[in-house]
């Protein structure tokens, strides 16, 4: 049975509660480990597919502002 990366990540978190998901996201972002990027990408895809237009606009605004500042500037602020 071949699982896609998406399926593997989703299956890995099935049944997890809110706190576990939140902690996984917080730890992935804090670690700045590129290995976690596919998982965060799957989470963003899930958010995007289920977001209304207002939330999508907010997400794009946040991303655009951070991209314009550059990665190093964004890290200094955190």
PDB file of N, CA and C in Angstrom:
ATOM      1  N   UNK A   1       0.853  -1.183   0.000  1.00  0.00           N
ATOM      2  CA  UNK A   1       0.000   0.000   0.000  1.00  0.00           C
ATOM      3  C   UNK A   1       0.890   1.235   0.000  1.00  0.00           C
ATOM      4  N   UNK A   2       0.760   2.080  -1.015  1.00  0.00           N
ATOM      5  CA  UNK A   2       1.529   3.306  -1.107  1.00  0.00           C
ATOM      6  C   UNK A   2       0.714   4.471  -0.578  1.00  0.00           C
ATOM      7  N   UNK A   3       1.243   5.128   0.439  1.00  0.00           N
ATOM      8  CA  UNK A   3       0.592   6.315   0.974  1.00  0.00           C
ATOM      9  C   UNK A   3       1.312   7.544   0.467  1.00  0.00           C
ATOM     10  N   UNK A   4       0.563   8.560   0.152  1.00  0.00           N
ATOM     11  CA  UNK A   4       1.179   9.812  -0.229  1.00  0.00           C
ATOM     12  C   UNK A   4       1.659  10.516   1.044  1.00  0.00           C
ATOM     13  N   UNK A   5       2.479  11.520   0.858  1.00  0.00           N
ATOM     14  CA  UNK A   5       2.944  12.308   2.009  1.00  0.00           C
ATOM     15  C   UNK A   5       1.746  12.895   2.740  1.00  0.00           C
ATOM     16  N   UNK A   6       0.785  13.414   1.981  1.00  0.00           N
ATOM     17  CA  UNK A   6      -0.416  13.997   2.598  1.00  0.00           C
ATOM     18  C   UNK A   6      -1.128  12.973   3.477  1.00  0.00           C
ATOM     19  N   UNK A   7      -1.365  11.801   2.898  1.00  0.00           N
ATOM     20  CA  UNK A   7      -2.076  10.756   3.641  1.00  0.00           C
ATOM     21  C   UNK A   7      -1.295  10.340   4.886  1.00  0.00           C
ATOM     22  N   UNK A   8       0.006  10.215   4.753  1.00  0.00           N
ATOM     23  CA  UNK A   8       0.833   9.822   5.891  1.00  0.00           C
ATOM     24  C   UNK A   8       0.730  10.859   7.018  1.00  0.00           C
ATOM     25  N   UNK A   9       0.843  12.115   6.667  1.00  0.00           N
ATOM     26  CA  UNK A   9       0.785  13.178   7.683  1.00  0.00           C
ATOM     27  C   UNK A   9      -0.592  13.222   8.326  1.00  0.00           C
ATOM     28  N   UNK A  10      -1.635  13.171   7.511  1.00  0.00           N
ATOM     29  CA  UNK A  10      -2.993  13.196   8.065  1.00  0.00           C
ATOM     30  C   UNK A  10      -3.235  11.986   8.957  1.00  0.00           C
ATOM     31  N   UNK A  11      -2.828  10.803   8.513  1.00  0.00           N
ATOM     32  CA  UNK A  11      -3.004   9.604   9.333  1.00  0.00           C
ATOM     33  C   UNK A  11      -2.209   9.679  10.630  1.00  0.00           C
ATOM     34  N   UNK A  12      -1.057  10.336  10.573  1.00  0.00           N
ATOM     35  CA  UNK A  12      -0.216  10.470  11.757  1.00  0.00           C
ATOM     36  C   UNK A  12      -0.891  11.291  12.855  1.00  0.00           C
ATOM     37  N   UNK A  13      -1.786  12.191  12.470  1.00  0.00           N
ATOM     38  CA  UNK A  13      -2.427  13.072  13.449  1.00  0.00           C
ATOM     39  C   UNK A  13      -3.887  12.724  13.700  1.00  0.00           C
ATOM     40  N   UNK A  14      -4.405  11.695  13.014  1.00  0.00           N
ATOM     41  CA  UNK A  14      -5.807  11.294  13.232  1.00  0.00           C
ATOM     42  C   UNK A  14      -6.006  10.926  14.696  1.00  0.00           C
ATOM     43  N   UNK A  15      -7.079  11.429  15.253  1.00  0.00           N
ATOM     44  CA  UNK A  15      -7.412  11.100  16.630  1.00  0.00           C
ATOM     45  C   UNK A  15      -6.727  11.972  17.657  1.00  0.00           C
ATOM     46  N   UNK A  16      -5.782  12.806  17.231  1.00  0.00           N
ATOM     47  CA  UNK A  16      -5.110  13.695  18.185  1.00  0.00           C
ATOM     48  C   UNK A  16      -6.053  14.813  18.601  1.00  0.00           C
ATOM     49  N   UNK A  17      -5.916  15.241  19.843  1.00  0.00           N
ATOM     50  CA  UNK A  17      -6.773  16.309  20.340  1.00  0.00           C
ATOM     51  C   UNK A  17      -6.188  17.685  19.984  1.00  0.00           C
ATOM     52  N   UNK A  18      -6.927  18.713  20.314  1.00  0.00           N
ATOM     53  CA  UNK A  18      -6.556  20.095  20.007  1.00  0.00           C
ATOM     54  C   UNK A  18      -5.164  20.426  20.526  1.00  0.00           C
ATOM     55  N   UNK A  19      -4.901  20.102  21.788  1.00  0.00           N
ATOM     56  CA  UNK A  19      -3.615  20.445  22.405  1.00  0.00           C
ATOM     57  C   UNK A  19      -2.444  19.760  21.704  1.00  0.00           C
ATOM     58  N   UNK A  20      -2.631  18.522  21.310  1.00  0.00           N
ATOM     59  CA  UNK A  20      -1.573  17.789  20.615  1.00  0.00           C
ATOM     60  C   UNK A  20      -1.277  18.418  19.258  1.00  0.00           C
ATOM     61  N   UNK A  21      -2.333  18.758  18.522  1.00  0.00           N
ATOM     62  CA  UNK A  21      -2.141  19.420  17.229  1.00  0.00           C
ATOM     63  C   UNK A  21      -1.463  20.777  17.404  1.00  0.00           C
ATOM     64  N   UNK A  22      -1.907  21.537  18.372  1.00  0.00           N
ATOM     65  CA  UNK A  22      -1.333  22.864  18.622  1.00  0.00           C
ATOM     66  C   UNK A  22       0.146  22.745  18.973  1.00  0.00           C
ATOM     67  N   UNK A  23       0.472  21.803  19.850  1.00  0.00           N
ATOM     68  CA  UNK A  23       1.855  21.594  20.266  1.00  0.00           C
ATOM     69  C   UNK A  23       2.727  21.160  19.078  1.00  0.00           C
ATOM     70  N   UNK A  24       2.195  20.294  18.232  1.00  0.00           N
ATOM     71  CA  UNK A  24       2.945  19.835  17.057  1.00  0.00           C
ATOM     72  C   UNK A  24       3.256  21.006  16.124  1.00  0.00           C
ATOM     73  N   UNK A  25       2.285  21.871  15.916  1.00  0.00           N
ATOM     74  CA  UNK A  25       2.502  23.037  15.058  1.00  0.00           C
ATOM     75  C   UNK A  25       3.495  23.990  15.702  1.00  0.00           C
ATOM     76  N   UNK A  26       3.295  24.304  16.978  1.00  0.00           N
ATOM     77  CA  UNK A  26       4.213  25.211  17.684  1.00  0.00           C
ATOM     78  C   UNK A  26       5.645  24.692  17.657  1.00  0.00           C
ATOM     79  N   UNK A  27       5.822  23.403  17.921  1.00  0.00           N
ATOM     80  CA  UNK A  27       7.162  22.817  17.937  1.00  0.00           C
ATOM     81  C   UNK A  27       7.789  22.802  16.543  1.00  0.00           C
ATOM     82  N   UNK A  28       6.983  22.530  15.530  1.00  0.00           N
ATOM     83  CA  UNK A  28       7.499  22.520  14.157  1.00  0.00           C
ATOM     84  C   UNK A  28       7.979  23.902  13.741  1.00  0.00           C
ATOM     85  N   UNK A  29       7.205  24.908  14.067  1.00  0.00           N
ATOM     86  CA  UNK A  29       7.577  26.279  13.717  1.00  0.00           C
ATOM     87  C   UNK A  29       8.800  26.713  14.515  1.00  0.00           C
ATOM     88  N   UNK A  30       8.808  26.426  15.810  1.00  0.00           N
ATOM     89  CA  UNK A  30       9.915  26.843  16.671  1.00  0.00           C
ATOM     90  C   UNK A  30      11.231  26.171  16.292  1.00  0.00           C
ATOM     91  N   UNK A  31      11.163  24.924  15.861  1.00  0.00           N
ATOM     92  CA  UNK A  31      12.387  24.187  15.547  1.00  0.00           C
ATOM     93  C   UNK A  31      13.062  24.704  14.284  1.00  0.00           C
ATOM     94  N   UNK A  32      12.291  25.308  13.411  1.00  0.00           N
ATOM     95  CA  UNK A  32      12.780  25.788  12.117  1.00  0.00           C
ATOM     96  C   UNK A  32      13.510  24.679  11.351  1.00  0.00           C
ATOM     97  N   UNK A  33      13.096  23.456  11.586  1.00  0.00           N
ATOM     98  CA  UNK A  33      13.662  22.296  10.910  1.00  0.00           C
ATOM     99  C   UNK A  33      12.925  22.091   9.591  1.00  0.00           C
ATOM    100  N   UNK A  34      13.657  22.057   8.507  1.00  0.00           N
ATOM    101  CA  UNK A  34      13.033  21.927   7.200  1.00  0.00           C
ATOM    102  C   UNK A  34      12.336  20.590   7.003  1.00  0.00           C
ATOM    103  N   UNK A  35      12.624  19.618   7.831  1.00  0.00           N
ATOM    104  CA  UNK A  35      11.961  18.314   7.746  1.00  0.00           C
ATOM    105  C   UNK A  35      10.468  18.466   8.052  1.00  0.00           C
ATOM    106  N   UNK A  36      10.109  19.457   8.864  1.00  0.00           N
ATOM    107  CA  UNK A  36       8.702  19.639   9.245  1.00  0.00           C
ATOM    108  C   UNK A  36       7.905  20.428   8.205  1.00  0.00           C
ATOM    109  N   UNK A  37       8.572  21.003   7.222  1.00  0.00           N
ATOM    110  CA  UNK A  37       7.871  21.832   6.235  1.00  0.00           C
ATOM    111  C   UNK A  37       6.775  21.093   5.473  1.00  0.00           C
ATOM    112  N   UNK A  38       6.990  19.843   5.060  1.00  0.00           N
ATOM    113  CA  UNK A  38       5.886  19.159   4.363  1.00  0.00           C
ATOM    114  C   UNK A  38       4.636  19.027   5.234  1.00  0.00           C
ATOM    115  N   UNK A  39       4.814  18.735   6.504  1.00  0.00           N
ATOM    116  CA  UNK A  39       3.663  18.615   7.404  1.00  0.00           C
ATOM    117  C   UNK A  39       2.939  19.932   7.565  1.00  0.00           C
ATOM    118  N   UNK A  40       3.701  21.009   7.722  1.00  0.00           N
ATOM    119  CA  UNK A  40       3.085  22.325   7.830  1.00  0.00           C
ATOM    120  C   UNK A  40       2.386  22.698   6.530  1.00  0.00           C
ATOM    121  N   UNK A  41       2.956  22.274   5.417  1.00  0.00           N
ATOM    122  CA  UNK A  41       2.319  22.520   4.126  1.00  0.00           C
ATOM    123  C   UNK A  41       0.987  21.793   4.002  1.00  0.00           C
ATOM    124  N   UNK A  42       0.929  20.567   4.493  1.00  0.00           N
ATOM    125  CA  UNK A  42      -0.328  19.814   4.474  1.00  0.00           C
ATOM    126  C   UNK A  42      -1.356  20.508   5.361  1.00  0.00           C
ATOM    127  N   UNK A  43      -0.921  20.981   6.516  1.00  0.00           N
ATOM    128  CA  UNK A  43      -1.841  21.713   7.401  1.00  0.00           C
ATOM    129  C   UNK A  43      -2.350  22.983   6.731  1.00  0.00           C
ATOM    130  N   UNK A  44      -1.462  23.719   6.051  1.00  0.00           N
ATOM    131  CA  UNK A  44      -1.890  24.928   5.345  1.00  0.00           C
ATOM    132  C   UNK A  44      -2.884  24.571   4.240  1.00  0.00           C
ATOM    133  N   UNK A  45      -2.623  23.481   3.534  1.00  0.00           N
ATOM    134  CA  UNK A  45      -3.546  23.050   2.490  1.00  0.00           C
ATOM    135  C   UNK A  45      -4.931  22.764   3.070  1.00  0.00           C
ATOM    136  N   UNK A  46      -4.984  22.107   4.219  1.00  0.00           N
ATOM    137  CA  UNK A  46      -6.256  21.809   4.882  1.00  0.00           C
ATOM    138  C   UNK A  46      -6.962  23.105   5.262  1.00  0.00           C
ATOM    139  N   UNK A  47      -6.217  24.042   5.830  1.00  0.00           N
ATOM    140  CA  UNK A  47      -6.791  25.336   6.206  1.00  0.00           C
ATOM    141  C   UNK A  47      -7.348  26.030   4.971  1.00  0.00           C
ATOM    142  N   UNK A  48      -6.526  26.097   3.920  1.00  0.00           N
ATOM    143  CA  UNK A  48      -6.906  26.813   2.702  1.00  0.00           C
ATOM    144  C   UNK A  48      -8.183  26.229   2.087  1.00  0.00           C
ATOM    145  N   UNK A  49      -8.248  24.910   2.027  1.00  0.00           N
ATOM    146  CA  UNK A  49      -9.409  24.256   1.419  1.00  0.00           C
ATOM    147  C   UNK A  49     -10.697  24.485   2.208  1.00  0.00           C
ATOM    148  N   UNK A  50     -10.563  24.797   3.491  1.00  0.00           N
ATOM    149  CA  UNK A  50     -11.738  24.954   4.344  1.00  0.00           C
ATOM    150  C   UNK A  50     -11.978  26.395   4.778  1.00  0.00           C
ATOM    151  N   UNK A  51     -11.182  27.312   4.286  1.00  0.00           N
ATOM    152  CA  UNK A  51     -11.288  28.717   4.676  1.00  0.00           C
ATOM    153  C   UNK A  51     -12.260  29.467   3.783  1.00  0.00           C
ATOM    154  N   UNK A  52     -12.933  30.439   4.377  1.00  0.00           N
ATOM    155  CA  UNK A  52     -13.745  31.332   3.555  1.00  0.00           C
ATOM    156  C   UNK A  52     -12.838  32.396   2.936  1.00  0.00           C
ATOM    157  N   UNK A  53     -13.395  33.215   2.073  1.00  0.00           N
ATOM    158  CA  UNK A  53     -12.595  34.202   1.353  1.00  0.00           C
ATOM    159  C   UNK A  53     -11.914  35.187   2.296  1.00  0.00           C
ATOM    160  N   UNK A  54     -12.568  35.564   3.366  1.00  0.00           N
ATOM    161  CA  UNK A  54     -11.991  36.519   4.324  1.00  0.00           C
ATOM    162  C   UNK A  54     -10.733  35.943   4.981  1.00  0.00           C
ATOM    163  N   UNK A  55     -10.794  34.695   5.421  1.00  0.00           N
ATOM    164  CA  UNK A  55      -9.625  34.067   6.035  1.00  0.00           C
ATOM    165  C   UNK A  55      -8.503  33.903   5.020  1.00  0.00           C
ATOM    166  N   UNK A  56      -8.828  33.526   3.786  1.00  0.00           N
ATOM    167  CA  UNK A  56      -7.808  33.402   2.745  1.00  0.00           C
ATOM    168  C   UNK A  56      -7.111  34.744   2.523  1.00  0.00           C
ATOM    169  N   UNK A  57      -7.894  35.822   2.489  1.00  0.00           N
ATOM    170  CA  UNK A  57      -7.302  37.150   2.318  1.00  0.00           C
ATOM    171  C   UNK A  57      -6.382  37.499   3.480  1.00  0.00           C
ATOM    172  N   UNK A  58      -6.786  37.162   4.701  1.00  0.00           N
ATOM    173  CA  UNK A  58      -5.951  37.416   5.879  1.00  0.00           C
ATOM    174  C   UNK A  58      -4.647  36.637   5.794  1.00  0.00           C
ATOM    175  N   UNK A  59      -4.727  35.387   5.411  1.00  0.00           N
ATOM    176  CA  UNK A  59      -3.527  34.557   5.299  1.00  0.00           C
ATOM    177  C   UNK A  59      -2.572  35.115   4.254  1.00  0.00           C
ATOM    178  N   UNK A  60      -3.113  35.494   3.105  1.00  0.00           N
ATOM    179  CA  UNK A  60      -2.268  36.053   2.055  1.00  0.00           C
ATOM    180  C   UNK A  60      -1.644  37.362   2.519  1.00  0.00           C
ATOM    181  N   UNK A  61      -2.393  38.187   3.235  1.00  0.00           N
ATOM    182  CA  UNK A  61      -1.841  39.447   3.768  1.00  0.00           C
ATOM    183  C   UNK A  61      -0.668  39.179   4.709  1.00  0.00           C
ATOM    184  N   UNK A  62      -0.828  38.218   5.612  1.00  0.00           N
ATOM    185  CA  UNK A  62       0.240  37.872   6.558  1.00  0.00           C
ATOM    186  C   UNK A  62       1.468  37.384   5.797  1.00  0.00           C
ATOM    187  N   UNK A  63       1.260  36.479   4.865  1.00  0.00           N
ATOM    188  CA  UNK A  63       2.377  35.923   4.090  1.00  0.00           C
ATOM    189  C   UNK A  63       3.064  37.024   3.291  1.00  0.00           C
ATOM    190  N   UNK A  64       2.292  37.862   2.640  1.00  0.00           N
ATOM    191  CA  UNK A  64       2.858  38.936   1.808  1.00  0.00           C
ATOM    192  C   UNK A  64       3.715  39.877   2.654  1.00  0.00           C
ATOM    193  N   UNK A  65       3.234  40.266   3.824  1.00  0.00           N
ATOM    194  CA  UNK A  65       3.991  41.168   4.694  1.00  0.00           C
ATOM    195  C   UNK A  65       5.304  40.530   5.135  1.00  0.00           C
ATOM    196  N   UNK A  66       5.261  39.262   5.501  1.00  0.00           N
ATOM    197  CA  UNK A  66       6.473  38.571   5.945  1.00  0.00           C
ATOM    198  C   UNK A  66       7.456  38.369   4.807  1.00  0.00           C
ATOM    199  N   UNK A  67       6.948  38.041   3.634  1.00  0.00           N
ATOM    200  CA  UNK A  67       7.818  37.837   2.476  1.00  0.00           C
ATOM    201  C   UNK A  67       8.517  39.149   2.116  1.00  0.00           C
ATOM    202  N   UNK A  68       7.787  40.236   2.174  1.00  0.00           N
ATOM    203  CA  UNK A  68       8.374  41.534   1.847  1.00  0.00           C
ATOM    204  C   UNK A  68       9.464  41.931   2.833  1.00  0.00           C
ATOM    205  N   UNK A  69       9.298  41.561   4.095  1.00  0.00           N
ATOM    206  CA  UNK A  69      10.312  41.858   5.110  1.00  0.00           C
ATOM    207  C   UNK A  69      11.542  40.986   4.935  1.00  0.00           C
ATOM    208  N   UNK A  70      11.361  39.829   4.381  1.00  0.00           N
ATOM    209  CA  UNK A  70      12.462  38.883   4.249  1.00  0.00           C
ATOM    210  C   UNK A  70      12.518  37.971   5.455  1.00  0.00           C
ATOM    211  N   UNK A  71      13.094  36.838   5.264  1.00  0.00           N
ATOM    212  CA  UNK A  71      13.151  35.813   6.307  1.00  0.00           C
ATOM    213  C   UNK A  71      13.926  36.272   7.525  1.00  0.00           C
ATOM    214  N   UNK A  72      15.072  36.894   7.338  1.00  0.00           N
ATOM    215  CA  UNK A  72      15.889  37.315   8.476  1.00  0.00           C
ATOM    216  C   UNK A  72      15.202  38.375   9.317  1.00  0.00           C
ATOM    217  N   UNK A  73      14.537  39.317   8.693  1.00  0.00           N
ATOM    218  CA  UNK A  73      13.811  40.351   9.430  1.00  0.00           C
ATOM    219  C   UNK A  73      12.680  39.737  10.250  1.00  0.00           C
ATOM    220  N   UNK A  74      11.962  38.796   9.662  1.00  0.00           N
ATOM    221  CA  UNK A  74      10.846  38.148  10.350  1.00  0.00           C
ATOM    222  C   UNK A  74      11.338  37.377  11.564  1.00  0.00           C
ATOM    223  N   UNK A  75      12.496  36.724  11.452  1.00  0.00           N
ATOM    224  CA  UNK A  75      13.050  35.956  12.581  1.00  0.00           C
ATOM    225  C   UNK A  75      13.449  36.884  13.727  1.00  0.00           C
ATOM    226  N   UNK A  76      13.967  38.056  13.418  1.00  0.00           N
ATOM    227  CA  UNK A  76      14.378  39.008  14.455  1.00  0.00           C
ATOM    228  C   UNK A  76      13.190  39.464  15.301  1.00  0.00           C
ATOM    229  N   UNK A  77      12.014  39.597  14.662  1.00  0.00           N
ATOM    230  CA  UNK A  77      10.834  40.070  15.366  1.00  0.00           C
ATOM    231  C   UNK A  77      10.275  39.013  16.304  1.00  0.00           C
ATOM    232  N   UNK A  78      10.528  37.750  16.050  1.00  0.00           N
ATOM    233  CA  UNK A  78       9.977  36.672  16.872  1.00  0.00           C
ATOM    234  C   UNK A  78      10.849  36.391  18.004  1.00  0.00           C
TER     235      UNK A  78
END
